[in-house]
Protein backbone atom coordinates (compact mmCIF):
# COMPACT_ATOMS: atom_id res chain seq x y z
CA MET A 1 61.40 -15.21 22.65
CA ASP A 2 59.68 -16.90 25.55
CA PRO A 3 60.30 -20.66 25.18
CA ALA A 4 56.91 -21.37 26.75
CA LEU A 5 55.14 -19.43 24.01
CA PRO A 6 53.38 -21.83 21.63
CA LEU A 7 54.27 -21.31 17.98
CA ASN A 8 51.26 -23.04 16.42
CA TRP A 9 49.71 -19.68 15.51
CA LEU A 10 52.82 -18.45 13.63
CA CYS A 11 53.56 -19.31 10.01
CA CYS A 12 55.90 -18.31 7.23
CA PRO A 13 54.46 -15.25 5.43
CA LEU A 14 55.81 -16.55 2.10
CA SER A 15 54.67 -20.17 2.13
CA GLY A 16 52.26 -20.51 5.05
CA GLN A 17 54.39 -23.33 6.47
CA ALA A 18 54.76 -23.85 10.20
CA LEU A 19 57.75 -22.40 12.05
CA HIS A 20 59.88 -23.86 14.83
CA ARG A 21 62.61 -22.42 17.02
CA ALA A 22 66.16 -22.67 15.71
CA ASP A 23 68.45 -24.76 17.88
CA ALA A 24 71.50 -23.25 19.59
CA ALA A 25 73.90 -24.61 16.96
CA LEU A 26 72.01 -22.94 14.11
CA VAL A 27 71.77 -19.64 16.02
CA ALA A 28 75.54 -19.74 16.59
CA ARG A 29 76.14 -20.42 12.89
CA LEU A 30 73.82 -17.53 11.96
CA GLU A 31 75.75 -15.20 14.24
CA THR A 32 79.07 -16.33 12.72
CA ASP A 33 77.73 -15.75 9.20
CA ARG A 34 76.27 -12.37 10.19
CA ALA A 35 79.61 -11.25 11.62
CA ALA A 36 81.36 -12.41 8.43
CA GLY A 37 78.82 -10.61 6.23
CA THR A 38 77.69 -13.79 4.50
CA LEU A 39 74.13 -14.12 5.85
CA ARG A 40 71.77 -13.77 2.88
CA PHE A 41 68.12 -12.95 2.36
CA LEU A 42 66.12 -15.24 0.07
CA THR A 43 65.39 -12.32 -2.26
CA PRO A 44 67.56 -9.35 -3.29
CA PRO A 45 69.02 -7.22 -1.87
CA ALA A 46 70.86 -10.33 -0.87
CA VAL A 47 73.24 -9.47 1.98
CA LEU A 48 71.91 -8.78 5.45
CA GLN A 49 73.13 -5.47 6.86
CA SER A 50 73.05 -5.60 10.64
CA ASP A 51 74.29 -3.80 13.70
CA PRO A 52 77.37 -5.63 15.05
CA ALA A 53 76.34 -4.56 18.56
CA GLN A 54 73.18 -6.69 18.25
CA PRO A 55 74.12 -10.35 17.90
CA ILE A 56 71.61 -12.88 16.67
CA THR A 57 70.02 -14.57 19.67
CA GLY A 58 67.12 -16.43 18.11
CA ALA A 59 65.36 -17.42 14.91
CA LEU A 60 62.31 -19.28 13.66
CA VAL A 61 62.90 -21.87 10.95
CA ARG A 62 60.37 -22.72 8.25
CA GLU A 63 59.07 -26.30 8.25
CA ASP A 64 60.95 -27.20 5.05
CA GLY A 65 64.22 -25.92 6.55
CA GLN A 66 64.94 -23.60 3.60
CA ALA A 67 64.21 -20.24 5.25
CA LEU A 68 64.23 -18.60 8.64
CA TYR A 69 63.23 -15.38 10.34
CA LEU A 70 65.28 -13.64 13.00
CA VAL A 71 63.88 -12.84 16.43
CA GLU A 72 64.95 -9.43 17.77
CA ALA A 73 64.05 -8.26 21.28
CA ASP A 74 61.72 -11.27 21.59
CA VAL A 75 59.81 -10.22 18.46
CA PRO A 76 59.88 -12.48 15.39
CA LEU A 77 60.50 -10.48 12.19
CA LEU A 78 57.91 -12.26 10.06
CA LEU A 79 58.06 -10.06 6.98
CA PRO A 80 58.40 -11.63 3.51
CA ASP A 81 61.46 -9.52 2.66
CA HIS A 82 63.15 -10.60 5.93
CA ALA A 83 63.27 -14.30 5.05
CA ILE A 84 66.86 -15.54 5.32
CA ALA A 85 68.26 -18.52 3.47
CA VAL A 86 69.28 -21.23 5.95
CA PRO A 87 73.07 -21.58 5.80
CA GLU A 88 74.31 -24.90 4.45
C-alpha cells in the first residue's frame, strides 16, 4: 500500500475505529504466525487459510490494537469476516 496514501478515510468495518499501518515488526510476526498456521480471525471459522506463496507484506491495525486487516496487492481487505486478532 502506498505509504503516501492518507488513511483518514478508512475505518474498521466492525467498530468504525480508525486504522493505522502495521509496523514492520508486527508484519513479520503476522507472517511467522501465518506460516505456522496460528493466525486467527476474530470470528469463526477461526484459522486463516492462506497461500504460502503469498507472504503477508502489510496490514492495517484498528485503533484499539485488537484487530487488523491484511493488505494484499496494495488493497486493504476491509471486510468484517476478514478481521484478524492481533497476535499477543
